[in-house]
């Protein structure tokens, strides 16, 4: 398979991640999730985020213990932990992709503004003076 050598390293990591989470594969095959959406969530959240724990292949007792632990962790979360998680997600974001999307968005907004200005009426319509005629005739 020559195509495998050409894959981006993040795609290879995602494939390994999917193999470790068979319940996630089942969700995708059943149509409950899309592969694209799952990949986007994985790039934002990362592979170690607690969002993925229900999809790991564990027996029922281990998953129920994990659910109880998650519930206890959620109740113990404070504002600082939330900020730390948020900062962790920000660090994992691809800044170049974000910059590219922002540039495209800015260009699109400029184009829309130009289009709107094209179809807007002039701000001050030209007024003709009613008292003066366009031709100045003098009566003798």
N, C-alpha and C. Protein backbone atom coordinates (compact mmCIF):
# COMPACT_ATOMS: atom_id res chain seq x y z
N UNK A 1 0.84 -1.19 0.00
CA UNK A 1 0.00 0.00 0.00
C UNK A 1 0.88 1.24 0.00
N UNK A 2 1.02 1.86 -1.14
CA UNK A 2 1.83 3.05 -1.24
C UNK A 2 1.12 4.25 -0.63
N UNK A 3 -0.19 4.29 -0.64
CA UNK A 3 -0.96 5.41 -0.12
C UNK A 3 -0.75 5.62 1.37
N UNK A 4 -0.43 4.57 2.07
CA UNK A 4 -0.24 4.67 3.52
C UNK A 4 0.98 5.52 3.87
N UNK A 5 2.02 5.45 3.03
CA UNK A 5 3.24 6.22 3.29
C UNK A 5 3.00 7.71 3.10
N UNK A 6 2.01 8.08 2.31
CA UNK A 6 1.74 9.49 2.01
C UNK A 6 0.80 10.15 2.99
N UNK A 7 0.29 9.41 3.96
CA UNK A 7 -0.67 9.98 4.90
C UNK A 7 0.02 10.92 5.87
N UNK A 8 -0.70 11.95 6.25
CA UNK A 8 -0.21 12.92 7.23
C UNK A 8 -0.05 12.22 8.58
N UNK A 9 0.94 12.59 9.38
CA UNK A 9 1.14 11.93 10.68
C UNK A 9 -0.08 12.02 11.60
N UNK A 10 -0.83 13.13 11.52
CA UNK A 10 -2.01 13.24 12.38
C UNK A 10 -3.08 12.23 11.97
N UNK A 11 -3.15 11.93 10.68
CA UNK A 11 -4.12 10.93 10.21
C UNK A 11 -3.72 9.55 10.72
N UNK A 12 -2.43 9.26 10.72
CA UNK A 12 -1.96 7.98 11.26
C UNK A 12 -2.29 7.87 12.75
N UNK A 13 -2.09 8.96 13.49
CA UNK A 13 -2.42 8.96 14.91
C UNK A 13 -3.92 8.74 15.11
N UNK A 14 -4.73 9.37 14.26
CA UNK A 14 -6.18 9.20 14.37
C UNK A 14 -6.58 7.76 14.09
N UNK A 15 -5.96 7.15 13.10
CA UNK A 15 -6.27 5.75 12.80
C UNK A 15 -5.95 4.86 13.99
N UNK A 16 -4.81 5.11 14.63
CA UNK A 16 -4.44 4.32 15.81
C UNK A 16 -5.44 4.57 16.94
N UNK A 17 -5.87 5.81 17.08
CA UNK A 17 -6.85 6.17 18.10
C UNK A 17 -8.17 5.44 17.86
N UNK A 18 -8.61 5.40 16.63
CA UNK A 18 -9.87 4.72 16.28
C UNK A 18 -9.76 3.23 16.58
N UNK A 19 -8.62 2.63 16.31
CA UNK A 19 -8.44 1.20 16.59
C UNK A 19 -8.54 0.91 18.08
N UNK A 20 -8.15 1.86 18.91
CA UNK A 20 -8.21 1.68 20.36
C UNK A 20 -9.61 1.88 20.93
N UNK A 21 -10.52 2.40 20.11
CA UNK A 21 -11.88 2.71 20.57
C UNK A 21 -12.90 2.03 19.66
N UNK A 22 -13.11 0.73 19.82
CA UNK A 22 -14.01 -0.01 18.92
C UNK A 22 -15.47 0.44 19.02
N UNK A 23 -15.88 0.93 20.17
CA UNK A 23 -17.28 1.40 20.28
C UNK A 23 -17.49 2.64 19.45
N UNK A 24 -16.45 3.42 19.24
CA UNK A 24 -16.53 4.60 18.39
C UNK A 24 -16.70 4.17 16.93
N UNK A 25 -16.01 3.11 16.53
CA UNK A 25 -16.17 2.57 15.18
C UNK A 25 -17.60 2.11 14.97
N UNK A 26 -18.17 1.48 15.99
CA UNK A 26 -19.56 1.01 15.92
C UNK A 26 -20.51 2.18 15.73
N UNK A 27 -20.30 3.27 16.47
CA UNK A 27 -21.14 4.46 16.34
C UNK A 27 -21.07 5.03 14.92
N UNK A 28 -19.86 5.04 14.35
CA UNK A 28 -19.69 5.57 13.00
C UNK A 28 -20.36 4.66 11.98
N UNK A 29 -20.21 3.34 12.13
CA UNK A 29 -20.82 2.39 11.20
C UNK A 29 -22.34 2.43 11.26
N UNK A 30 -22.89 2.69 12.45
CA UNK A 30 -24.34 2.76 12.60
C UNK A 30 -24.90 4.09 12.09
N UNK A 31 -24.04 5.03 11.82
CA UNK A 31 -24.50 6.32 11.30
C UNK A 31 -24.83 7.33 12.38
N UNK A 32 -24.52 7.02 13.63
CA UNK A 32 -24.79 7.97 14.71
C UNK A 32 -23.78 9.11 14.73
N UNK A 33 -22.59 8.84 14.21
CA UNK A 33 -21.53 9.85 14.12
C UNK A 33 -20.91 9.74 12.73
N UNK A 34 -20.31 10.85 12.29
CA UNK A 34 -19.58 10.80 11.03
C UNK A 34 -18.09 10.76 11.35
N UNK A 35 -17.33 10.20 10.44
CA UNK A 35 -15.89 10.11 10.62
C UNK A 35 -15.26 11.50 10.64
N UNK A 36 -15.76 12.40 9.79
CA UNK A 36 -15.23 13.76 9.74
C UNK A 36 -15.46 14.48 11.07
N UNK A 37 -16.67 14.37 11.60
CA UNK A 37 -16.99 15.02 12.87
C UNK A 37 -16.14 14.44 14.00
N UNK A 38 -15.97 13.14 13.99
CA UNK A 38 -15.15 12.48 15.01
C UNK A 38 -13.71 12.95 14.92
N UNK A 39 -13.19 13.07 13.69
CA UNK A 39 -11.82 13.55 13.51
C UNK A 39 -11.67 14.98 14.03
N UNK A 40 -12.65 15.84 13.73
CA UNK A 40 -12.59 17.22 14.20
C UNK A 40 -12.63 17.28 15.72
N UNK A 41 -13.48 16.46 16.34
CA UNK A 41 -13.52 16.41 17.81
C UNK A 41 -12.18 15.94 18.36
N UNK A 42 -11.58 14.94 17.72
CA UNK A 42 -10.31 14.40 18.17
C UNK A 42 -9.21 15.45 18.07
N UNK A 43 -9.21 16.26 16.99
CA UNK A 43 -8.17 17.27 16.85
C UNK A 43 -8.32 18.37 17.90
N UNK A 44 -9.55 18.69 18.28
CA UNK A 44 -9.77 19.74 19.27
C UNK A 44 -9.55 19.21 20.69
N UNK A 45 -10.13 18.05 20.99
CA UNK A 45 -10.08 17.52 22.36
C UNK A 45 -8.80 16.76 22.67
N UNK A 46 -8.24 16.11 21.67
CA UNK A 46 -7.08 15.26 21.91
C UNK A 46 -7.51 13.84 22.26
N UNK A 47 -6.57 12.93 22.21
CA UNK A 47 -6.91 11.52 22.42
C UNK A 47 -7.06 11.16 23.90
N UNK A 48 -6.54 11.97 24.80
CA UNK A 48 -6.61 11.62 26.22
C UNK A 48 -7.79 12.29 26.94
N UNK A 49 -8.65 12.96 26.21
CA UNK A 49 -9.79 13.65 26.84
C UNK A 49 -10.80 12.64 27.37
N UNK A 50 -11.46 13.02 28.44
CA UNK A 50 -12.43 12.12 29.09
C UNK A 50 -13.66 11.84 28.23
N UNK A 51 -13.85 12.62 27.18
CA UNK A 51 -14.98 12.41 26.27
C UNK A 51 -14.90 11.04 25.60
N UNK A 52 -13.71 10.50 25.43
CA UNK A 52 -13.51 9.24 24.70
C UNK A 52 -13.59 8.00 25.58
N UNK A 53 -13.64 8.15 26.90
CA UNK A 53 -13.63 6.97 27.77
C UNK A 53 -14.81 6.02 27.55
N UNK A 54 -16.01 6.49 27.25
CA UNK A 54 -17.10 5.51 27.01
C UNK A 54 -16.89 4.65 25.78
N UNK A 55 -16.02 5.07 24.86
CA UNK A 55 -15.83 4.34 23.61
C UNK A 55 -14.69 3.32 23.69
N UNK A 56 -13.96 3.30 24.79
CA UNK A 56 -12.88 2.32 24.92
C UNK A 56 -13.47 0.94 25.16
N UNK A 57 -12.71 -0.08 24.82
CA UNK A 57 -13.17 -1.45 24.98
C UNK A 57 -12.86 -1.91 26.40
N UNK A 58 -13.84 -1.77 27.28
CA UNK A 58 -13.70 -2.20 28.67
C UNK A 58 -14.85 -3.12 29.02
N UNK A 59 -14.70 -3.91 30.05
CA UNK A 59 -15.82 -4.73 30.49
C UNK A 59 -16.80 -3.85 31.26
N UNK A 60 -17.95 -4.38 31.56
CA UNK A 60 -19.04 -3.59 32.16
C UNK A 60 -18.67 -3.03 33.53
N UNK A 61 -17.94 -3.78 34.33
CA UNK A 61 -17.60 -3.29 35.67
C UNK A 61 -16.61 -2.14 35.60
N UNK A 62 -15.66 -2.25 34.69
CA UNK A 62 -14.67 -1.18 34.56
C UNK A 62 -15.32 0.09 34.03
N UNK A 63 -16.26 -0.05 33.09
CA UNK A 63 -16.92 1.14 32.54
C UNK A 63 -17.84 1.79 33.56
N UNK A 64 -18.50 0.98 34.41
CA UNK A 64 -19.36 1.58 35.43
C UNK A 64 -18.51 2.29 36.48
N UNK A 65 -17.33 1.72 36.81
CA UNK A 65 -16.43 2.38 37.74
C UNK A 65 -15.90 3.68 37.14
N UNK A 66 -15.65 3.67 35.85
CA UNK A 66 -15.17 4.88 35.18
C UNK A 66 -16.27 5.95 35.18
N UNK A 67 -17.51 5.52 34.96
CA UNK A 67 -18.62 6.48 34.98
C UNK A 67 -18.79 7.10 36.36
N UNK A 68 -18.64 6.28 37.41
CA UNK A 68 -18.73 6.81 38.77
C UNK A 68 -17.59 7.79 39.03
N UNK A 69 -16.40 7.45 38.53
CA UNK A 69 -15.25 8.33 38.71
C UNK A 69 -15.47 9.65 37.97
N UNK A 70 -16.02 9.59 36.74
CA UNK A 70 -16.30 10.80 35.99
C UNK A 70 -17.29 11.68 36.73
N UNK A 71 -18.33 11.08 37.31
CA UNK A 71 -19.32 11.83 38.06
C UNK A 71 -18.68 12.52 39.25
N UNK A 72 -17.81 11.81 39.96
CA UNK A 72 -17.11 12.41 41.10
C UNK A 72 -16.17 13.52 40.64
N UNK A 73 -15.50 13.31 39.51
CA UNK A 73 -14.60 14.34 38.98
C UNK A 73 -15.36 15.59 38.56
N UNK A 74 -16.52 15.39 37.93
CA UNK A 74 -17.32 16.53 37.49
C UNK A 74 -17.79 17.37 38.67
N UNK A 75 -18.18 16.70 39.76
CA UNK A 75 -18.63 17.46 40.93
C UNK A 75 -17.48 18.18 41.61
N UNK A 76 -16.25 17.66 41.45
CA UNK A 76 -15.09 18.27 42.07
C UNK A 76 -14.46 19.38 41.22
N UNK A 77 -14.91 19.50 39.96
CA UNK A 77 -14.34 20.53 39.08
C UNK A 77 -14.57 21.91 39.65
N UNK A 78 -13.54 22.71 39.58
CA UNK A 78 -13.65 24.10 39.98
C UNK A 78 -13.37 24.97 38.76
N UNK A 79 -13.48 26.27 38.95
CA UNK A 79 -13.25 27.20 37.85
C UNK A 79 -11.84 27.12 37.30
N UNK A 80 -10.87 26.90 38.18
CA UNK A 80 -9.48 26.83 37.72
C UNK A 80 -9.24 25.59 36.88
N UNK A 81 -9.83 24.48 37.23
CA UNK A 81 -9.66 23.27 36.43
C UNK A 81 -10.26 23.45 35.05
N UNK A 82 -11.40 24.13 34.99
CA UNK A 82 -12.03 24.40 33.70
C UNK A 82 -11.12 25.28 32.84
N UNK A 83 -10.53 26.28 33.44
CA UNK A 83 -9.64 27.17 32.69
C UNK A 83 -8.41 26.40 32.23
N UNK A 84 -7.89 25.50 33.07
CA UNK A 84 -6.74 24.69 32.68
C UNK A 84 -7.09 23.79 31.49
N UNK A 85 -8.28 23.21 31.50
CA UNK A 85 -8.71 22.37 30.39
C UNK A 85 -8.85 23.20 29.13
N UNK A 86 -9.41 24.39 29.27
CA UNK A 86 -9.60 25.27 28.13
C UNK A 86 -8.25 25.67 27.54
N UNK A 87 -7.31 26.00 28.40
CA UNK A 87 -5.98 26.37 27.93
C UNK A 87 -5.29 25.18 27.25
N UNK A 88 -5.53 23.99 27.76
CA UNK A 88 -4.97 22.79 27.13
C UNK A 88 -5.52 22.60 25.72
N UNK A 89 -6.81 22.84 25.54
CA UNK A 89 -7.41 22.73 24.21
C UNK A 89 -6.86 23.80 23.28
N UNK A 90 -6.67 25.01 23.80
CA UNK A 90 -6.12 26.09 22.98
C UNK A 90 -4.71 25.75 22.52
N UNK A 91 -3.92 25.13 23.39
CA UNK A 91 -2.56 24.75 23.03
C UNK A 91 -2.55 23.69 21.93
N UNK A 92 -3.55 22.83 21.91
CA UNK A 92 -3.60 21.74 20.93
C UNK A 92 -4.14 22.19 19.57
N UNK A 93 -4.74 23.38 19.52
CA UNK A 93 -5.31 23.85 18.26
C UNK A 93 -4.19 24.18 17.28
N UNK A 94 -4.44 23.94 16.02
CA UNK A 94 -3.48 24.25 14.98
C UNK A 94 -3.65 25.72 14.62
N UNK A 95 -2.71 26.55 15.00
CA UNK A 95 -2.82 27.99 14.84
C UNK A 95 -2.78 28.37 13.36
N UNK A 96 -2.02 27.66 12.55
CA UNK A 96 -1.94 27.98 11.13
C UNK A 96 -3.28 27.76 10.44
N UNK A 97 -3.96 26.66 10.78
CA UNK A 97 -5.27 26.41 10.20
C UNK A 97 -6.26 27.47 10.65
N UNK A 98 -6.21 27.84 11.92
CA UNK A 98 -7.09 28.87 12.44
C UNK A 98 -6.85 30.19 11.73
N UNK A 99 -5.59 30.56 11.53
CA UNK A 99 -5.26 31.81 10.84
C UNK A 99 -5.77 31.76 9.40
N UNK A 100 -5.62 30.63 8.75
CA UNK A 100 -6.10 30.49 7.38
C UNK A 100 -7.61 30.66 7.31
N UNK A 101 -8.33 30.04 8.23
CA UNK A 101 -9.79 30.17 8.25
C UNK A 101 -10.21 31.61 8.53
N UNK A 102 -9.50 32.28 9.43
CA UNK A 102 -9.83 33.67 9.73
C UNK A 102 -9.57 34.57 8.53
N UNK A 103 -8.50 34.33 7.79
CA UNK A 103 -8.22 35.12 6.59
C UNK A 103 -9.30 34.92 5.53
N UNK A 104 -9.73 33.67 5.34
CA UNK A 104 -10.81 33.40 4.39
C UNK A 104 -12.10 34.08 4.83
N UNK A 105 -12.38 34.04 6.11
CA UNK A 105 -13.59 34.67 6.64
C UNK A 105 -13.53 36.18 6.45
N UNK A 106 -12.39 36.79 6.69
CA UNK A 106 -12.21 38.22 6.52
C UNK A 106 -12.41 38.62 5.06
N UNK A 107 -11.85 37.85 4.15
CA UNK A 107 -12.00 38.11 2.73
C UNK A 107 -13.46 38.00 2.32
N UNK A 108 -14.14 36.99 2.84
CA UNK A 108 -15.56 36.81 2.52
C UNK A 108 -16.38 38.00 3.01
N UNK A 109 -16.10 38.47 4.23
CA UNK A 109 -16.82 39.63 4.76
C UNK A 109 -16.57 40.87 3.92
N UNK A 110 -15.36 41.07 3.48
CA UNK A 110 -15.04 42.22 2.61
C UNK A 110 -15.82 42.15 1.32
N UNK A 111 -15.91 40.96 0.74
CA UNK A 111 -16.67 40.78 -0.50
C UNK A 111 -18.15 41.05 -0.29
N UNK A 112 -18.70 40.58 0.82
CA UNK A 112 -20.12 40.82 1.10
C UNK A 112 -20.37 42.31 1.31
N UNK A 113 -19.47 42.99 2.02
CA UNK A 113 -19.63 44.42 2.22
C UNK A 113 -19.59 45.18 0.89
N UNK A 114 -18.68 44.81 0.03
CA UNK A 114 -18.60 45.43 -1.29
C UNK A 114 -19.87 45.20 -2.10
N UNK A 115 -20.40 43.99 -2.02
CA UNK A 115 -21.63 43.68 -2.74
C UNK A 115 -22.80 44.50 -2.21
N UNK A 116 -22.88 44.63 -0.91
CA UNK A 116 -23.97 45.41 -0.31
C UNK A 116 -23.85 46.88 -0.71
N UNK A 117 -22.62 47.41 -0.70
CA UNK A 117 -22.43 48.81 -1.08
C UNK A 117 -22.77 49.04 -2.55
N UNK A 118 -22.60 48.03 -3.38
CA UNK A 118 -22.93 48.17 -4.79
C UNK A 118 -24.43 48.38 -4.98
N UNK A 119 -25.23 47.70 -4.19
CA UNK A 119 -26.67 47.76 -4.37
C UNK A 119 -27.35 48.79 -3.48
N UNK A 120 -26.62 49.47 -2.61
CA UNK A 120 -27.21 50.49 -1.76
C UNK A 120 -27.44 51.75 -2.57
N UNK A 121 -28.46 52.52 -2.17
CA UNK A 121 -28.72 53.81 -2.79
C UNK A 121 -27.66 54.78 -2.29
N UNK A 122 -27.37 55.79 -3.09
CA UNK A 122 -26.42 56.79 -2.60
C UNK A 122 -26.95 57.45 -1.32
N UNK A 123 -26.04 57.85 -0.46
CA UNK A 123 -26.47 58.39 0.83
C UNK A 123 -27.20 59.72 0.67
N UNK A 124 -26.77 60.58 -0.25
CA UNK A 124 -27.47 61.84 -0.50
C UNK A 124 -27.84 61.91 -1.96
N UNK A 125 -29.12 61.78 -2.26
CA UNK A 125 -29.52 61.85 -3.67
C UNK A 125 -29.31 63.27 -4.20
N UNK A 126 -29.02 63.36 -5.48
CA UNK A 126 -28.82 64.66 -6.12
C UNK A 126 -30.16 65.34 -6.24
N UNK A 127 -30.26 66.55 -5.70
CA UNK A 127 -31.52 67.29 -5.73
C UNK A 127 -31.47 68.38 -6.79
N UNK A 128 -32.54 68.49 -7.51
CA UNK A 128 -32.62 69.57 -8.49
C UNK A 128 -33.31 70.76 -7.85
N UNK A 129 -32.80 71.90 -8.16
CA UNK A 129 -33.42 73.10 -7.61
C UNK A 129 -34.68 73.39 -8.40
N UNK A 130 -35.76 73.51 -7.70
CA UNK A 130 -37.04 73.73 -8.37
C UNK A 130 -37.18 75.18 -8.84
N UNK A 131 -36.55 76.10 -8.15
CA UNK A 131 -36.72 77.51 -8.50
C UNK A 131 -35.90 77.89 -9.73
N UNK A 132 -34.82 77.27 -9.95
CA UNK A 132 -33.99 77.60 -11.10
C UNK A 132 -34.21 76.57 -12.19
N UNK A 133 -34.36 77.04 -13.38
CA UNK A 133 -34.49 76.11 -14.50
C UNK A 133 -33.08 75.82 -15.02
N UNK A 134 -32.95 74.75 -15.73
CA UNK A 134 -31.63 74.39 -16.21
C UNK A 134 -31.08 75.40 -17.25
N UNK A 135 -31.99 76.11 -17.88
CA UNK A 135 -31.56 77.11 -18.86
C UNK A 135 -31.85 78.49 -18.28
N UNK A 136 -30.91 79.34 -18.35
CA UNK A 136 -31.15 80.67 -17.81
C UNK A 136 -31.53 81.63 -18.95
N UNK A 137 -32.82 81.83 -19.12
CA UNK A 137 -33.32 82.76 -20.10
C UNK A 137 -33.70 84.04 -19.38
N UNK A 138 -33.35 85.13 -20.01
CA UNK A 138 -33.75 86.40 -19.44
C UNK A 138 -34.83 87.01 -20.31
N UNK A 139 -35.76 87.55 -19.66
CA UNK A 139 -36.83 88.19 -20.43
C UNK A 139 -36.42 89.62 -20.68
N UNK A 140 -36.70 90.10 -21.86
CA UNK A 140 -36.40 91.48 -22.18
C UNK A 140 -37.54 92.38 -21.95
